[in-house]
Amino acid sequence: MDHEKPVRSHVFRRGDKVLHVMEDEEEMVGTVMSELPNGNYLVEFWVPGRKRGGYRTELEFSADEIIPCYIPLGPCKPQSA
């Protein structure tokens, strides 16, 4: 009898950048603020706006609803052709 190991979701830490893909395929990049007692994550997003320049909001997600997002920290240099 084959026993499949349960696939473990990615473990996120405070400060990790994550990507959430919404229903309309729009992508939002946020920052993990904390892991909640129920195993979900509190993620902070910056929402741009016109009046006050934007605002921050925090939403709760399971690990399956967010994707690790790696943002290069070094300077961007144009590649020569």
PDB file of N, CA and C in Angstrom:
ATOM      1  N   MET A   1       0.845  -1.181   0.000  1.00  0.00           N
ATOM      2  CA  MET A   1       0.000   0.000   0.000  1.00  0.00           C
ATOM      3  C   MET A   1       0.888   1.241   0.000  1.00  0.00           C
ATOM      4  N   ASP A   2       0.644   2.121  -0.934  1.00  0.00           N
ATOM      5  CA  ASP A   2       1.427   3.354  -1.015  1.00  0.00           C
ATOM      6  C   ASP A   2       0.867   4.392  -0.054  1.00  0.00           C
ATOM      7  N   HIS A   3       1.754   4.964   0.711  1.00  0.00           N
ATOM      8  CA  HIS A   3       1.356   6.052   1.608  1.00  0.00           C
ATOM      9  C   HIS A   3       2.020   7.319   1.111  1.00  0.00           C
ATOM     10  N   GLU A   4       1.217   8.274   0.729  1.00  0.00           N
ATOM     11  CA  GLU A   4       1.768   9.548   0.278  1.00  0.00           C
ATOM     12  C   GLU A   4       2.025  10.435   1.477  1.00  0.00           C
ATOM     13  N   LYS A   5       3.193  11.041   1.484  1.00  0.00           N
ATOM     14  CA  LYS A   5       3.497  11.998   2.543  1.00  0.00           C
ATOM     15  C   LYS A   5       2.721  13.274   2.263  1.00  0.00           C
ATOM     16  N   PRO A   6       2.143  13.870   3.296  1.00  0.00           N
ATOM     17  CA  PRO A   6       1.457  15.142   3.053  1.00  0.00           C
ATOM     18  C   PRO A   6       2.464  16.199   2.624  1.00  0.00           C
ATOM     19  N   VAL A   7       2.088  16.977   1.634  1.00  0.00           N
ATOM     20  CA  VAL A   7       2.959  18.045   1.155  1.00  0.00           C
ATOM     21  C   VAL A   7       2.922  19.176   2.165  1.00  0.00           C
ATOM     22  N   ARG A   8       4.082  19.536   2.653  1.00  0.00           N
ATOM     23  CA  ARG A   8       4.146  20.610   3.642  1.00  0.00           C
ATOM     24  C   ARG A   8       4.258  21.943   2.924  1.00  0.00           C
ATOM     25  N   SER A   9       3.409  22.850   3.301  1.00  0.00           N
ATOM     26  CA  SER A   9       3.454  24.189   2.719  1.00  0.00           C
ATOM     27  C   SER A   9       4.734  24.892   3.150  1.00  0.00           C
ATOM     28  N   HIS A  10       5.084  25.905   2.410  1.00  0.00           N
ATOM     29  CA  HIS A  10       6.256  26.714   2.737  1.00  0.00           C
ATOM     30  C   HIS A  10       6.067  27.341   4.118  1.00  0.00           C
ATOM     31  N   VAL A  11       7.137  27.430   4.880  1.00  0.00           N
ATOM     32  CA  VAL A  11       7.089  28.088   6.188  1.00  0.00           C
ATOM     33  C   VAL A  11       7.638  29.501   6.013  1.00  0.00           C
ATOM     34  N   PHE A  12       6.834  30.472   6.375  1.00  0.00           N
ATOM     35  CA  PHE A  12       7.217  31.874   6.223  1.00  0.00           C
ATOM     36  C   PHE A  12       7.649  32.448   7.566  1.00  0.00           C
ATOM     37  N   ARG A  13       8.497  33.470   7.503  1.00  0.00           N
ATOM     38  CA  ARG A  13       8.936  34.180   8.708  1.00  0.00           C
ATOM     39  C   ARG A  13       8.589  35.650   8.584  1.00  0.00           C
ATOM     40  N   ARG A  14       8.554  36.319   9.717  1.00  0.00           N
ATOM     41  CA  ARG A  14       8.285  37.756   9.736  1.00  0.00           C
ATOM     42  C   ARG A  14       9.274  38.467   8.811  1.00  0.00           C
ATOM     43  N   GLY A  15       8.757  39.348   7.967  1.00  0.00           N
ATOM     44  CA  GLY A  15       9.599  40.109   7.060  1.00  0.00           C
ATOM     45  C   GLY A  15       9.715  39.505   5.673  1.00  0.00           C
ATOM     46  N   ASP A  16       9.293  38.239   5.510  1.00  0.00           N
ATOM     47  CA  ASP A  16       9.347  37.615   4.183  1.00  0.00           C
ATOM     48  C   ASP A  16       8.412  38.338   3.225  1.00  0.00           C
ATOM     49  N   LYS A  17       8.856  38.513   1.997  1.00  0.00           N
ATOM     50  CA  LYS A  17       8.003  39.076   0.946  1.00  0.00           C
ATOM     51  C   LYS A  17       7.226  37.922   0.320  1.00  0.00           C
ATOM     52  N   VAL A  18       5.931  38.143   0.113  1.00  0.00           N
ATOM     53  CA  VAL A  18       5.082  37.107  -0.464  1.00  0.00           C
ATOM     54  C   VAL A  18       4.212  37.694  -1.566  1.00  0.00           C
ATOM     55  N   LEU A  19       3.747  36.820  -2.432  1.00  0.00           N
ATOM     56  CA  LEU A  19       2.892  37.191  -3.547  1.00  0.00           C
ATOM     57  C   LEU A  19       1.543  36.522  -3.343  1.00  0.00           C
ATOM     58  N   HIS A  20       0.474  37.298  -3.480  1.00  0.00           N
ATOM     59  CA  HIS A  20      -0.881  36.746  -3.426  1.00  0.00           C
ATOM     60  C   HIS A  20      -1.547  37.044  -4.758  1.00  0.00           C
ATOM     61  N   VAL A  21      -2.071  35.988  -5.404  1.00  0.00           N
ATOM     62  CA  VAL A  21      -2.767  36.155  -6.679  1.00  0.00           C
ATOM     63  C   VAL A  21      -4.260  36.179  -6.379  1.00  0.00           C
ATOM     64  N   MET A  22      -4.897  37.290  -6.722  1.00  0.00           N
ATOM     65  CA  MET A  22      -6.323  37.453  -6.439  1.00  0.00           C
ATOM     66  C   MET A  22      -7.153  36.755  -7.511  1.00  0.00           C
ATOM     67  N   GLU A  23      -8.467  36.700  -7.299  1.00  0.00           N
ATOM     68  CA  GLU A  23      -9.373  35.995  -8.204  1.00  0.00           C
ATOM     69  C   GLU A  23      -9.289  36.499  -9.638  1.00  0.00           C
ATOM     70  N   ASP A  24      -9.063  37.781  -9.814  1.00  0.00           N
ATOM     71  CA  ASP A  24      -9.003  38.344 -11.168  1.00  0.00           C
ATOM     72  C   ASP A  24      -7.586  38.299 -11.752  1.00  0.00           C
ATOM     73  N   GLU A  25      -6.741  37.443 -11.175  1.00  0.00           N
ATOM     74  CA  GLU A  25      -5.359  37.235 -11.618  1.00  0.00           C
ATOM     75  C   GLU A  25      -4.432  38.414 -11.329  1.00  0.00           C
ATOM     76  N   GLU A  26      -4.936  39.429 -10.624  1.00  0.00           N
ATOM     77  CA  GLU A  26      -4.064  40.535 -10.222  1.00  0.00           C
ATOM     78  C   GLU A  26      -3.170  40.049  -9.084  1.00  0.00           C
ATOM     79  N   GLU A  27      -1.910  40.459  -9.107  1.00  0.00           N
ATOM     80  CA  GLU A  27      -0.948  40.030  -8.101  1.00  0.00           C
ATOM     81  C   GLU A  27      -0.640  41.168  -7.140  1.00  0.00           C
ATOM     82  N   MET A  28      -0.520  40.822  -5.857  1.00  0.00           N
ATOM     83  CA  MET A  28      -0.159  41.801  -4.835  1.00  0.00           C
ATOM     84  C   MET A  28       1.047  41.267  -4.071  1.00  0.00           C
ATOM     85  N   VAL A  29       2.032  42.129  -3.838  1.00  0.00           N
ATOM     86  CA  VAL A  29       3.203  41.760  -3.048  1.00  0.00           C
ATOM     87  C   VAL A  29       3.027  42.339  -1.656  1.00  0.00           C
ATOM     88  N   GLY A  30       3.227  41.502  -0.642  1.00  0.00           N
ATOM     89  CA  GLY A  30       3.077  41.947   0.734  1.00  0.00           C
ATOM     90  C   GLY A  30       4.223  41.449   1.597  1.00  0.00           C
ATOM     91  N   THR A  31       4.158  41.789   2.879  1.00  0.00           N
ATOM     92  CA  THR A  31       5.176  41.405   3.849  1.00  0.00           C
ATOM     93  C   THR A  31       4.521  40.628   4.976  1.00  0.00           C
ATOM     94  N   VAL A  32       5.091  39.464   5.317  1.00  0.00           N
ATOM     95  CA  VAL A  32       4.567  38.671   6.431  1.00  0.00           C
ATOM     96  C   VAL A  32       4.852  39.426   7.724  1.00  0.00           C
ATOM     97  N   MET A  33       3.796  39.663   8.498  1.00  0.00           N
ATOM     98  CA  MET A  33       3.945  40.362   9.774  1.00  0.00           C
ATOM     99  C   MET A  33       4.096  39.374  10.928  1.00  0.00           C
ATOM    100  N   SER A  34       3.339  38.260  10.877  1.00  0.00           N
ATOM    101  CA  SER A  34       3.436  37.263  11.940  1.00  0.00           C
ATOM    102  C   SER A  34       2.711  35.988  11.544  1.00  0.00           C
ATOM    103  N   GLU A  35       3.061  34.904  12.247  1.00  0.00           N
ATOM    104  CA  GLU A  35       2.326  33.652  12.108  1.00  0.00           C
ATOM    105  C   GLU A  35       1.304  33.620  13.240  1.00  0.00           C
ATOM    106  N   LEU A  36       0.063  33.324  12.908  1.00  0.00           N
ATOM    107  CA  LEU A  36      -1.018  33.316  13.883  1.00  0.00           C
ATOM    108  C   LEU A  36      -1.121  31.948  14.554  1.00  0.00           C
ATOM    109  N   PRO A  37      -1.742  31.876  15.739  1.00  0.00           N
ATOM    110  CA  PRO A  37      -1.868  30.600  16.449  1.00  0.00           C
ATOM    111  C   PRO A  37      -2.559  29.498  15.632  1.00  0.00           C
ATOM    112  N   ASN A  38      -3.421  29.878  14.687  1.00  0.00           N
ATOM    113  CA  ASN A  38      -4.122  28.878  13.873  1.00  0.00           C
ATOM    114  C   ASN A  38      -3.288  28.397  12.684  1.00  0.00           C
ATOM    115  N   GLY A  39      -2.028  28.865  12.562  1.00  0.00           N
ATOM    116  CA  GLY A  39      -1.147  28.439  11.480  1.00  0.00           C
ATOM    117  C   GLY A  39      -1.201  29.334  10.258  1.00  0.00           C
ATOM    118  N   ASN A  40      -2.131  30.269  10.218  1.00  0.00           N
ATOM    119  CA  ASN A  40      -2.208  31.223   9.108  1.00  0.00           C
ATOM    120  C   ASN A  40      -1.197  32.342   9.322  1.00  0.00           C
ATOM    121  N   TYR A  41      -1.076  33.195   8.310  1.00  0.00           N
ATOM    122  CA  TYR A  41      -0.120  34.303   8.372  1.00  0.00           C
ATOM    123  C   TYR A  41      -0.833  35.636   8.206  1.00  0.00           C
ATOM    124  N   LEU A  42      -0.378  36.632   8.948  1.00  0.00           N
ATOM    125  CA  LEU A  42      -0.870  37.991   8.809  1.00  0.00           C
ATOM    126  C   LEU A  42       0.081  38.702   7.848  1.00  0.00           C
ATOM    127  N   VAL A  43      -0.463  39.175   6.730  1.00  0.00           N
ATOM    128  CA  VAL A  43       0.350  39.786   5.678  1.00  0.00           C
ATOM    129  C   VAL A  43      -0.075  41.236   5.497  1.00  0.00           C
ATOM    130  N   GLU A  44       0.907  42.137   5.455  1.00  0.00           N
ATOM    131  CA  GLU A  44       0.641  43.560   5.272  1.00  0.00           C
ATOM    132  C   GLU A  44       0.869  43.938   3.812  1.00  0.00           C
ATOM    133  N   PHE A  45      -0.072  44.703   3.268  1.00  0.00           N
ATOM    134  CA  PHE A  45       0.016  45.189   1.892  1.00  0.00           C
ATOM    135  C   PHE A  45      -0.048  46.705   1.887  1.00  0.00           C
ATOM    136  N   TRP A  46       0.650  47.315   0.945  1.00  0.00           N
ATOM    137  CA  TRP A  46       0.562  48.751   0.703  1.00  0.00           C
ATOM    138  C   TRP A  46      -0.400  48.939  -0.457  1.00  0.00           C
ATOM    139  N   VAL A  47      -1.465  49.700  -0.227  1.00  0.00           N
ATOM    140  CA  VAL A  47      -2.468  49.962  -1.255  1.00  0.00           C
ATOM    141  C   VAL A  47      -2.340  51.427  -1.656  1.00  0.00           C
ATOM    142  N   PRO A  48      -1.897  51.700  -2.897  1.00  0.00           N
ATOM    143  CA  PRO A  48      -1.741  53.090  -3.321  1.00  0.00           C
ATOM    144  C   PRO A  48      -3.085  53.797  -3.430  1.00  0.00           C
ATOM    145  N   GLY A  49      -3.076  55.083  -3.170  1.00  0.00           N
ATOM    146  CA  GLY A  49      -4.297  55.877  -3.271  1.00  0.00           C
ATOM    147  C   GLY A  49      -3.976  57.301  -3.680  1.00  0.00           C
ATOM    148  N   ARG A  50      -4.999  58.027  -4.049  1.00  0.00           N
ATOM    149  CA  ARG A  50      -4.786  59.402  -4.523  1.00  0.00           C
ATOM    150  C   ARG A  50      -4.804  60.420  -3.394  1.00  0.00           C
ATOM    151  N   LYS A  51      -5.778  60.303  -2.499  1.00  0.00           N
ATOM    152  CA  LYS A  51      -5.942  61.337  -1.471  1.00  0.00           C
ATOM    153  C   LYS A  51      -4.757  61.436  -0.527  1.00  0.00           C
ATOM    154  N   ARG A  52      -4.459  60.355   0.144  1.00  0.00           N
ATOM    155  CA  ARG A  52      -3.395  60.386   1.144  1.00  0.00           C
ATOM    156  C   ARG A  52      -2.134  59.678   0.673  1.00  0.00           C
ATOM    157  N   GLY A  53      -2.081  59.337  -0.591  1.00  0.00           N
ATOM    158  CA  GLY A  53      -0.901  58.648  -1.106  1.00  0.00           C
ATOM    159  C   GLY A  53      -0.975  57.141  -0.947  1.00  0.00           C
ATOM    160  N   GLY A  54      -1.945  56.651  -0.205  1.00  0.00           N
ATOM    161  CA  GLY A  54      -2.113  55.216  -0.014  1.00  0.00           C
ATOM    162  C   GLY A  54      -2.238  54.857   1.455  1.00  0.00           C
ATOM    163  N   TYR A  55      -2.399  53.572   1.715  1.00  0.00           N
ATOM    164  CA  TYR A  55      -2.533  53.100   3.093  1.00  0.00           C
ATOM    165  C   TYR A  55      -2.076  51.649   3.173  1.00  0.00           C
ATOM    166  N   ARG A  56      -1.816  51.211   4.386  1.00  0.00           N
ATOM    167  CA  ARG A  56      -1.418  49.826   4.634  1.00  0.00           C
ATOM    168  C   ARG A  56      -2.628  49.064   5.167  1.00  0.00           C
ATOM    169  N   THR A  57      -2.728  47.803   4.776  1.00  0.00           N
ATOM    170  CA  THR A  57      -3.784  46.947   5.296  1.00  0.00           C
ATOM    171  C   THR A  57      -3.196  45.572   5.581  1.00  0.00           C
ATOM    172  N   GLU A  58      -3.754  44.876   6.559  1.00  0.00           N
ATOM    173  CA  GLU A  58      -3.286  43.543   6.916  1.00  0.00           C
ATOM    174  C   GLU A  58      -4.399  42.541   6.666  1.00  0.00           C
ATOM    175  N   LEU A  59      -4.046  41.426   6.027  1.00  0.00           N
ATOM    176  CA  LEU A  59      -5.004  40.371   5.726  1.00  0.00           C
ATOM    177  C   LEU A  59      -4.428  39.038   6.181  1.00  0.00           C
ATOM    178  N   GLU A  60      -5.320  38.102   6.514  1.00  0.00           N
ATOM    179  CA  GLU A  60      -4.913  36.777   6.969  1.00  0.00           C
ATOM    180  C   GLU A  60      -4.989  35.783   5.812  1.00  0.00           C
ATOM    181  N   PHE A  61      -3.929  34.967   5.668  1.00  0.00           N
ATOM    182  CA  PHE A  61      -3.875  33.961   4.607  1.00  0.00           C
ATOM    183  C   PHE A  61      -3.329  32.652   5.153  1.00  0.00           C
ATOM    184  N   SER A  62      -3.761  31.545   4.558  1.00  0.00           N
ATOM    185  CA  SER A  62      -3.113  30.263   4.833  1.00  0.00           C
ATOM    186  C   SER A  62      -1.850  30.213   3.975  1.00  0.00           C
ATOM    187  N   ALA A  63      -0.946  29.302   4.300  1.00  0.00           N
ATOM    188  CA  ALA A  63       0.307  29.201   3.543  1.00  0.00           C
ATOM    189  C   ALA A  63       0.058  28.832   2.084  1.00  0.00           C
ATOM    190  N   ASP A  64      -1.059  28.170   1.804  1.00  0.00           N
ATOM    191  CA  ASP A  64      -1.377  27.776   0.428  1.00  0.00           C
ATOM    192  C   ASP A  64      -1.843  28.953  -0.427  1.00  0.00           C
ATOM    193  N   GLU A  65      -2.205  30.062   0.198  1.00  0.00           N
ATOM    194  CA  GLU A  65      -2.737  31.215  -0.532  1.00  0.00           C
ATOM    195  C   GLU A  65      -1.672  32.254  -0.885  1.00  0.00           C
ATOM    196  N   ILE A  66      -0.451  32.054  -0.381  1.00  0.00           N
ATOM    197  CA  ILE A  66       0.625  32.999  -0.658  1.00  0.00           C
ATOM    198  C   ILE A  66       1.834  32.245  -1.210  1.00  0.00           C
ATOM    199  N   ILE A  67       2.633  32.955  -1.989  1.00  0.00           N
ATOM    200  CA  ILE A  67       3.786  32.372  -2.677  1.00  0.00           C
ATOM    201  C   ILE A  67       5.026  33.154  -2.250  1.00  0.00           C
ATOM    202  N   PRO A  68       6.142  32.460  -1.964  1.00  0.00           N
ATOM    203  CA  PRO A  68       7.368  33.200  -1.645  1.00  0.00           C
ATOM    204  C   PRO A  68       7.747  34.121  -2.803  1.00  0.00           C
ATOM    205  N   CYS A  69       8.186  35.314  -2.480  1.00  0.00           N
ATOM    206  CA  CYS A  69       8.533  36.309  -3.497  1.00  0.00           C
ATOM    207  C   CYS A  69       9.953  36.776  -3.210  1.00  0.00           C
ATOM    208  N   TYR A  70      10.844  36.525  -4.142  1.00  0.00           N
ATOM    209  CA  TYR A  70      12.238  36.889  -3.949  1.00  0.00           C
ATOM    210  C   TYR A  70      12.539  38.151  -4.736  1.00  0.00           C
ATOM    211  N   ILE A  71      12.929  39.187  -4.024  1.00  0.00           N
ATOM    212  CA  ILE A  71      13.224  40.474  -4.640  1.00  0.00           C
ATOM    213  C   ILE A  71      14.726  40.703  -4.539  1.00  0.00           C
ATOM    214  N   PRO A  72      15.419  40.835  -5.678  1.00  0.00           N
ATOM    215  CA  PRO A  72      16.867  41.052  -5.626  1.00  0.00           C
ATOM    216  C   PRO A  72      17.193  42.356  -4.908  1.00  0.00           C
ATOM    217  N   LEU A  73      18.193  42.305  -4.046  1.00  0.00           N
ATOM    218  CA  LEU A  73      18.550  43.484  -3.261  1.00  0.00           C
ATOM    219  C   LEU A  73      19.670  44.298  -3.890  1.00  0.00           C
ATOM    220  N   GLY A  74      20.395  43.717  -4.818  1.00  0.00           N
ATOM    221  CA  GLY A  74      21.521  44.411  -5.433  1.00  0.00           C
ATOM    222  C   GLY A  74      21.067  45.443  -6.444  1.00  0.00           C
ATOM    223  N   PRO A  75      22.002  46.287  -6.889  1.00  0.00           N
ATOM    224  CA  PRO A  75      21.652  47.304  -7.889  1.00  0.00           C
ATOM    225  C   PRO A  75      21.307  46.648  -9.223  1.00  0.00           C
ATOM    226  N   CYS A  76      20.387  47.226  -9.923  1.00  0.00           N
ATOM    227  CA  CYS A  76      19.995  46.727 -11.244  1.00  0.00           C
ATOM    228  C   CYS A  76      20.907  47.354 -12.285  1.00  0.00           C
ATOM    229  N   LYS A  77      21.565  46.529 -13.047  1.00  0.00           N
ATOM    230  CA  LYS A  77      22.448  47.024 -14.106  1.00  0.00           C
ATOM    231  C   LYS A  77      21.913  46.540 -15.444  1.00  0.00           C
ATOM    232  N   PRO A  78      21.844  47.417 -16.416  1.00  0.00           N
ATOM    233  CA  PRO A  78      21.392  46.972 -17.738  1.00  0.00           C
ATOM    234  C   PRO A  78      22.409  46.007 -18.338  1.00  0.00           C
ATOM    235  N   GLN A  79      21.902  44.966 -18.979  1.00  0.00           N
ATOM    236  CA  GLN A  79      22.790  44.000 -19.623  1.00  0.00           C
ATOM    237  C   GLN A  79      23.108  44.474 -21.029  1.00  0.00           C
ATOM    238  N   SER A  80      24.371  44.353 -21.393  1.00  0.00           N
ATOM    239  CA  SER A  80      24.752  44.768 -22.744  1.00  0.00           C
ATOM    240  C   SER A  80      24.367  43.679 -23.736  1.00  0.00           C
ATOM    241  N   ALA A  81      23.966  44.101 -24.923  1.00  0.00           N
ATOM    242  CA  ALA A  81      23.511  43.145 -25.947  1.00  0.00           C
ATOM    243  C   ALA A  81      24.651  42.492 -26.663  1.00  0.00           C
TER     244      ALA A  81
END
